[in-house]
N, C-alpha and C. Protein backbone atom coordinates (compact mmCIF):
# COMPACT_ATOMS: atom_id res chain seq x y z
N MET A 1 -18.89 20.95 -3.79
CA MET A 1 -17.73 20.13 -4.34
C MET A 1 -17.44 19.12 -3.27
N ASN A 2 -17.70 19.24 -1.84
CA ASN A 2 -17.40 18.45 -0.74
C ASN A 2 -18.19 16.93 -1.09
N ARG A 3 -19.58 17.04 -1.71
CA ARG A 3 -20.59 15.76 -1.72
C ARG A 3 -20.02 15.57 -2.96
N TRP A 4 -19.14 15.96 -3.94
CA TRP A 4 -18.73 15.28 -5.23
C TRP A 4 -17.40 14.54 -4.50
N ARG A 5 -16.47 15.22 -4.15
CA ARG A 5 -15.33 14.55 -3.50
C ARG A 5 -15.80 13.05 -2.41
N GLY A 6 -16.77 13.34 -1.66
CA GLY A 6 -17.38 12.38 -0.92
C GLY A 6 -17.35 11.51 -1.55
N GLY A 7 -18.30 11.17 -2.57
CA GLY A 7 -18.81 10.49 -3.32
C GLY A 7 -18.03 9.76 -4.39
N GLU A 8 -16.76 10.25 -5.01
CA GLU A 8 -15.91 9.85 -5.33
C GLU A 8 -14.87 9.14 -4.36
N GLY A 9 -14.57 9.59 -3.04
CA GLY A 9 -13.76 9.07 -2.23
C GLY A 9 -14.82 7.57 -1.95
N ALA A 10 -15.90 7.43 -1.74
CA ALA A 10 -16.96 6.41 -1.24
C ALA A 10 -16.59 5.40 -2.59
N ALA A 11 -16.64 5.87 -3.69
CA ALA A 11 -16.46 4.79 -4.80
C ALA A 11 -15.10 4.13 -4.88
N ARG A 12 -14.12 4.91 -4.95
CA ARG A 12 -12.85 4.41 -4.39
C ARG A 12 -12.36 3.35 -3.12
N PHE A 13 -13.01 3.77 -2.07
CA PHE A 13 -12.93 2.72 -1.39
C PHE A 13 -13.94 1.42 -1.65
N ALA A 14 -15.03 1.32 -2.13
CA ALA A 14 -15.80 0.36 -2.73
C ALA A 14 -14.87 -0.34 -3.70
N GLU A 15 -14.15 0.10 -4.89
CA GLU A 15 -13.22 -0.78 -5.50
C GLU A 15 -12.36 -1.30 -5.01
N ARG A 16 -11.71 -0.63 -4.25
CA ARG A 16 -10.60 -1.12 -3.26
C ARG A 16 -11.13 -2.40 -2.31
N ARG A 17 -12.05 -2.07 -1.96
CA ARG A 17 -12.97 -3.14 -0.95
C ARG A 17 -13.07 -4.33 -1.91
N ARG A 18 -13.86 -4.22 -3.23
CA ARG A 18 -13.69 -5.56 -4.02
C ARG A 18 -12.46 -6.11 -4.36
N ARG A 19 -11.85 -5.45 -4.78
CA ARG A 19 -10.06 -5.90 -5.09
C ARG A 19 -9.99 -6.87 -3.77
N GLN A 20 -10.08 -6.24 -2.58
CA GLN A 20 -9.48 -7.35 -1.60
C GLN A 20 -10.07 -8.34 -1.41
N ASP A 21 -11.42 -8.45 -1.50
CA ASP A 21 -12.51 -9.38 -1.71
C ASP A 21 -12.24 -10.92 -2.79
N GLU A 22 -11.81 -10.01 -3.69
CA GLU A 22 -11.58 -10.83 -4.82
C GLU A 22 -10.06 -11.31 -5.03
N ALA A 23 -9.08 -10.79 -4.04
CA ALA A 23 -7.47 -11.51 -3.96
C ALA A 23 -7.47 -12.67 -3.64
N PRO A 24 -6.79 -13.55 -3.85
CA PRO A 24 -6.40 -14.70 -3.17
C PRO A 24 -5.89 -14.16 -1.59
N ARG A 25 -6.16 -15.58 -1.14
CA ARG A 25 -5.53 -15.26 0.61
C ARG A 25 -4.09 -15.17 0.96
N LEU A 26 -3.78 -14.53 1.59
CA LEU A 26 -2.36 -14.26 1.67
C LEU A 26 -1.52 -15.59 2.37
N LEU A 27 -2.49 -16.19 3.41
CA LEU A 27 -2.20 -17.60 3.76
C LEU A 27 -1.93 -18.67 2.94
N ALA A 28 -3.01 -18.42 1.54
CA ALA A 28 -3.25 -19.42 0.76
C ALA A 28 -1.71 -19.27 -0.17
N GLN A 29 -1.51 -18.00 -0.50
CA GLN A 29 0.00 -18.21 -1.15
C GLN A 29 1.64 -18.11 -0.63
N VAL A 30 1.57 -17.99 1.12
CA VAL A 30 2.45 -18.14 1.12
C VAL A 30 1.95 -19.06 2.84
N PRO A 31 1.70 -20.06 2.70
CA PRO A 31 1.30 -21.05 4.04
C PRO A 31 2.03 -21.17 5.23
N THR A 32 3.20 -20.73 4.83
CA THR A 32 4.20 -20.79 6.33
C THR A 32 4.50 -19.63 6.99
N LEU A 33 3.50 -18.37 6.31
CA LEU A 33 3.59 -16.88 6.94
C LEU A 33 2.74 -16.87 7.99
N GLU A 34 3.53 -16.86 9.33
CA GLU A 34 2.93 -16.33 10.96
C GLU A 34 2.50 -14.83 11.19
N SER A 35 3.33 -14.04 10.70
CA SER A 35 3.24 -12.75 10.93
C SER A 35 3.94 -11.51 9.90
N LEU A 36 3.09 -10.39 9.88
CA LEU A 36 3.89 -9.38 9.00
C LEU A 36 2.90 -8.28 9.37
N ARG A 37 4.23 -7.31 9.15
CA ARG A 37 4.38 -6.36 9.67
C ARG A 37 5.16 -5.01 8.65
N LEU A 38 4.09 -3.95 8.51
CA LEU A 38 4.81 -2.83 7.42
C LEU A 38 4.70 -1.87 7.91
N ASP A 39 6.00 -1.27 7.74
CA ASP A 39 6.25 0.39 8.20
C ASP A 39 6.35 1.16 6.87
N LEU A 40 5.69 2.01 6.71
CA LEU A 40 5.27 2.99 5.54
C LEU A 40 5.66 4.13 6.36
N LYS A 41 6.52 4.92 5.07
CA LYS A 41 6.70 6.29 5.29
C LYS A 41 6.70 7.02 3.85
N GLU A 42 5.65 8.22 3.80
CA GLU A 42 5.73 8.55 2.49
C GLU A 42 5.92 10.22 2.84
N HIS A 43 6.96 10.37 1.48
CA HIS A 43 6.69 12.17 1.57
C HIS A 43 7.08 12.69 0.06
N ARG A 44 6.91 13.71 -0.15
CA ARG A 44 7.38 14.25 -1.25
C ARG A 44 8.62 14.34 -1.88
N ALA A 45 8.39 13.93 -3.49
CA ALA A 45 9.23 13.64 -3.60
C ALA A 45 10.72 14.81 -3.69
N GLY A 46 11.84 14.87 -3.55
CA GLY A 46 12.96 15.68 -2.86
C GLY A 46 13.15 16.16 -1.36
N PHE A 47 12.02 15.41 -0.83
CA PHE A 47 12.11 16.14 0.48
C PHE A 47 12.69 14.51 1.18
N ALA A 48 13.32 14.77 2.43
CA ALA A 48 13.79 13.34 2.84
C ALA A 48 12.98 13.07 4.08
N LEU A 49 12.23 14.00 4.94
CA LEU A 49 11.39 13.87 5.99
C LEU A 49 9.79 13.30 5.45
N PRO A 50 9.58 12.32 6.16
CA PRO A 50 8.12 12.02 5.77
C PRO A 50 7.44 12.89 6.20
N GLU A 51 6.15 12.78 5.79
CA GLU A 51 5.08 13.65 5.88
C GLU A 51 4.06 12.75 6.49
N ALA A 52 3.64 11.59 6.12
CA ALA A 52 2.86 10.71 6.63
C ALA A 52 3.79 9.16 7.20
N SER A 53 3.23 8.67 8.09
CA SER A 53 3.85 7.46 8.35
C SER A 53 3.15 6.78 9.35
N HIS A 54 3.26 5.35 9.36
CA HIS A 54 2.17 4.44 9.95
C HIS A 54 3.11 2.96 9.76
N ILE A 55 2.29 2.16 10.85
CA ILE A 55 2.65 0.84 10.99
C ILE A 55 1.56 0.17 10.53
N ARG A 56 1.56 -0.65 9.21
CA ARG A 56 0.32 -1.75 9.35
C ARG A 56 0.97 -3.12 9.91
N ARG A 57 0.07 -3.64 10.41
CA ARG A 57 0.20 -4.93 11.15
C ARG A 57 -0.87 -6.01 10.12
N ILE A 58 -0.45 -6.97 9.73
CA ILE A 58 -1.71 -7.90 8.78
C ILE A 58 -1.96 -8.87 9.78
N VAL A 59 -3.10 -8.80 9.75
CA VAL A 59 -3.77 -10.31 10.29
C VAL A 59 -3.75 -11.34 9.07
N VAL A 60 -2.90 -11.99 9.16
CA VAL A 60 -2.22 -13.10 8.20
C VAL A 60 -3.15 -14.10 7.83
N ALA A 61 -3.95 -14.67 8.95
CA ALA A 61 -5.39 -15.68 8.94
C ALA A 61 -6.42 -15.32 7.57
N ASN A 62 -6.61 -14.14 7.69
CA ASN A 62 -7.52 -13.61 6.68
C ASN A 62 -7.44 -12.70 5.73
N ALA A 63 -6.15 -12.10 5.94
CA ALA A 63 -5.57 -11.22 4.80
C ALA A 63 -5.48 -11.58 3.07
N PRO A 64 -5.86 -10.19 2.49
CA PRO A 64 -5.45 -10.41 0.95
C PRO A 64 -4.27 -10.20 0.64
N ALA A 65 -4.08 -10.99 -0.57
CA ALA A 65 -2.31 -10.99 -1.02
C ALA A 65 -2.76 -9.68 -1.95
N LEU A 66 -3.27 -8.61 -1.33
CA LEU A 66 -3.15 -7.44 -2.03
C LEU A 66 -2.81 -5.97 -1.08
N PHE A 67 -1.54 -5.73 -1.36
CA PHE A 67 -0.87 -4.29 -0.87
C PHE A 67 -0.98 -3.31 -1.59
N GLU A 68 -2.33 -2.60 -1.32
CA GLU A 68 -2.44 -1.40 -2.20
C GLU A 68 -2.54 -0.07 -0.91
N ILE A 69 -1.55 1.03 -1.13
CA ILE A 69 -1.79 2.03 -0.13
C ILE A 69 -2.19 3.21 -0.98
N PRO A 70 -3.02 3.58 -0.31
CA PRO A 70 -3.61 5.15 -0.63
C PRO A 70 -2.82 6.04 -0.94
N CYS A 71 -2.32 6.98 -1.42
CA CYS A 71 -1.60 8.30 -1.61
C CYS A 71 -2.09 9.30 -0.59
N GLN A 72 -1.01 9.56 0.30
CA GLN A 72 -1.65 10.52 1.57
C GLN A 72 -1.72 11.69 1.21
N ASP A 73 -1.71 12.28 -0.24
CA ASP A 73 -2.06 13.54 -0.57
C ASP A 73 -3.33 13.67 -0.93
N PRO A 74 -4.41 14.74 -0.10
CA PRO A 74 -5.62 14.65 -0.38
C PRO A 74 -5.78 15.22 -1.85
N SER A 75 -5.18 15.50 -2.38
CA SER A 75 -5.51 16.50 -3.98
C SER A 75 -4.99 15.55 -4.94
N CYS A 76 -4.45 14.41 -4.68
CA CYS A 76 -4.07 13.32 -5.78
C CYS A 76 -5.38 12.35 -6.34
N GLU A 77 -5.19 12.79 -7.30
CA GLU A 77 -6.22 11.76 -8.15
C GLU A 77 -5.43 10.71 -9.03
N GLY A 78 -6.24 9.57 -8.99
CA GLY A 78 -6.13 8.05 -9.77
C GLY A 78 -4.49 7.81 -8.97
N GLY A 79 -4.09 8.14 -8.05
CA GLY A 79 -2.83 7.58 -7.86
C GLY A 79 -2.80 6.63 -6.58
N GLY A 80 -1.89 6.35 -5.62
CA GLY A 80 -1.66 5.42 -4.78
C GLY A 80 -0.41 4.55 -5.09
N HIS A 81 -0.31 3.55 -4.45
CA HIS A 81 0.98 2.38 -4.03
C HIS A 81 0.75 0.76 -4.42
N ASP A 82 1.09 0.32 -5.21
CA ASP A 82 0.62 -0.65 -5.15
C ASP A 82 2.11 -1.34 -4.74
N LEU A 83 1.96 -2.05 -4.02
CA LEU A 83 3.06 -2.82 -3.44
C LEU A 83 3.12 -4.15 -3.37
N THR A 84 2.03 -4.69 -4.22
CA THR A 84 1.86 -6.10 -4.18
C THR A 84 2.96 -7.32 -4.84
N SER A 85 3.54 -6.91 -5.49
CA SER A 85 4.50 -7.80 -6.39
C SER A 85 6.10 -7.45 -5.39
N LEU A 86 6.14 -6.49 -5.05
CA LEU A 86 7.27 -6.33 -4.26
C LEU A 86 7.38 -7.38 -2.85
N VAL A 87 6.02 -7.26 -2.01
CA VAL A 87 5.65 -7.58 -0.64
C VAL A 87 5.91 -9.10 -1.14
N MET A 88 5.00 -9.61 -2.04
CA MET A 88 4.85 -10.86 -2.49
C MET A 88 6.07 -11.71 -2.85
N HIS A 89 6.84 -10.89 -3.39
CA HIS A 89 7.98 -11.54 -3.67
C HIS A 89 9.08 -11.73 -2.79
N ALA A 90 9.29 -11.02 -1.94
CA ALA A 90 9.96 -11.24 -0.60
C ALA A 90 9.38 -12.35 0.33
N LEU A 91 7.93 -12.24 0.58
CA LEU A 91 7.28 -13.32 1.38
C LEU A 91 7.80 -14.72 0.61
N ARG A 92 7.40 -14.70 -0.59
CA ARG A 92 7.68 -16.37 -1.42
C ARG A 92 8.88 -16.74 -1.16
N LEU A 93 9.90 -15.67 -0.98
CA LEU A 93 11.36 -16.04 -0.69
C LEU A 93 12.02 -16.35 0.69
N ASN A 94 10.52 -16.38 1.72
CA ASN A 94 10.68 -16.12 2.83
C ASN A 94 11.77 -15.22 3.51
N GLU A 95 12.09 -14.15 3.20
CA GLU A 95 12.51 -13.05 3.90
C GLU A 95 11.89 -12.57 4.96
N THR A 96 12.64 -12.20 5.96
CA THR A 96 12.22 -11.95 7.04
C THR A 96 12.41 -10.38 7.49
N ARG A 97 13.31 -9.84 6.86
CA ARG A 97 13.41 -8.19 6.50
C ARG A 97 13.30 -7.83 5.00
N PHE A 98 12.43 -6.77 4.59
CA PHE A 98 12.58 -6.37 3.49
C PHE A 98 12.62 -4.92 3.12
N THR A 99 12.77 -4.60 2.22
CA THR A 99 12.65 -3.09 2.22
C THR A 99 12.17 -2.30 0.79
N GLY A 100 11.56 -1.39 0.32
CA GLY A 100 11.48 -0.97 -0.85
C GLY A 100 10.86 0.50 -1.20
N GLU A 101 10.59 1.02 -2.52
CA GLU A 101 9.98 2.32 -2.47
C GLU A 101 9.06 2.17 -3.87
N ASP A 102 7.89 2.96 -3.39
CA ASP A 102 7.29 3.12 -4.73
C ASP A 102 6.72 4.86 -4.77
N VAL A 103 6.70 5.13 -6.28
CA VAL A 103 6.41 6.53 -6.65
C VAL A 103 5.06 6.43 -6.93
N CYS A 104 4.28 7.41 -6.34
CA CYS A 104 2.54 7.53 -6.85
C CYS A 104 2.68 8.33 -8.17
N ASN A 105 1.75 7.52 -9.10
CA ASN A 105 1.98 7.91 -10.49
C ASN A 105 0.38 8.49 -10.40
N GLY A 106 -0.08 8.95 -9.54
CA GLY A 106 -1.07 9.83 -9.70
C GLY A 106 -1.03 11.63 -10.26
N ARG A 107 -2.10 12.71 -10.15
CA ARG A 107 -2.12 13.54 -10.45
C ARG A 107 -2.83 14.96 -9.80
N VAL A 108 -1.96 15.92 -9.64
CA VAL A 108 -2.19 16.92 -8.24
C VAL A 108 -2.43 18.51 -9.28
N GLY A 109 -3.30 18.93 -8.42
CA GLY A 109 -3.52 20.37 -8.84
C GLY A 109 -4.52 20.52 -10.18
N THR A 110 -4.94 21.44 -10.57
CA THR A 110 -5.67 22.28 -11.47
C THR A 110 -4.74 22.16 -13.12
N ALA A 111 -3.66 21.76 -13.01
CA ALA A 111 -2.89 21.69 -14.39
C ALA A 111 -2.46 20.19 -14.47
N GLN A 112 -3.04 19.42 -13.09
CA GLN A 112 -2.91 17.88 -13.53
C GLN A 112 -1.23 17.15 -13.62
N ALA A 113 -0.38 18.03 -12.35
CA ALA A 113 1.14 17.71 -12.67
C ALA A 113 0.94 16.27 -11.87
N GLU A 114 2.38 15.58 -12.02
CA GLU A 114 2.56 14.47 -11.46
C GLU A 114 2.70 14.37 -10.01
N CYS A 115 1.86 13.60 -9.18
CA CYS A 115 2.17 13.64 -7.96
C CYS A 115 3.27 13.30 -7.43
N ALA A 116 4.22 12.04 -7.93
CA ALA A 116 5.46 11.87 -7.57
C ALA A 116 5.49 11.59 -6.10
N ARG A 117 4.54 11.49 -5.31
CA ARG A 117 5.43 11.05 -3.92
C ARG A 117 6.08 9.64 -3.63
N VAL A 118 6.63 9.80 -2.66
CA VAL A 118 7.19 8.35 -2.62
C VAL A 118 7.06 7.74 -1.19
N LEU A 119 6.53 6.37 -1.39
CA LEU A 119 6.51 5.53 -0.39
C LEU A 119 7.42 4.71 -0.32
N HIS A 120 8.50 4.72 1.08
CA HIS A 120 9.36 3.96 1.57
C HIS A 120 8.90 3.05 2.12
N PHE A 121 9.12 1.75 2.01
CA PHE A 121 8.34 0.37 3.44
C PHE A 121 9.46 -0.39 3.46
N SER A 122 9.40 -0.64 4.86
CA SER A 122 10.31 -2.17 5.19
C SER A 122 8.92 -2.96 5.95
N GLY A 123 9.40 -4.18 5.79
CA GLY A 123 8.44 -5.24 6.32
C GLY A 123 9.13 -6.33 7.15
N GLU A 124 8.64 -6.83 8.47
CA GLU A 124 9.33 -7.83 9.15
C GLU A 124 8.31 -9.10 8.90
N ALA A 125 8.80 -9.90 8.74
CA ALA A 125 7.84 -11.59 8.31
C ALA A 125 8.47 -12.41 9.29
N GLU A 126 7.25 -12.99 9.98
CA GLU A 126 7.65 -14.55 10.77
C GLU A 126 7.52 -15.57 10.12
N TYR A 127 7.86 -16.71 9.69
CA TYR A 127 7.29 -17.82 9.00
C TYR A 127 7.25 -19.17 10.36
N LYS A 128 6.52 -19.93 10.18
CA LYS A 128 6.58 -21.49 10.68
C LYS A 128 7.78 -22.18 10.34
N ARG A 129 8.01 -22.82 11.31
CA ARG A 129 9.58 -23.52 11.08
C ARG A 129 9.00 -25.07 11.16
């Protein structure tokens, strides 16, 4: 079972890496962007306290214009959070602060119930003047 999960995880990682490599570069999409930071907090639906949180500092010079965050539930299959359209919309409007949330659409458990973990994010961006 662990060998299968490891192979599945490696395949997901390789696919995510391929999408990142093929995505347009962030700086090409938003040439005035100097820095970007995302504060990510994920929790189970119905719970207020985050179970996982971290800050992601984006290296603007070579980052892809792709913001896919894996679901933090290790038993979630096929889920995750694609924040690309939400983040890119805010950046194209030159917003310096923005927030949003995304619900995981993966499946968990033997009954394949909806994962429904919620990712709340806030972003801080700086632009060239």
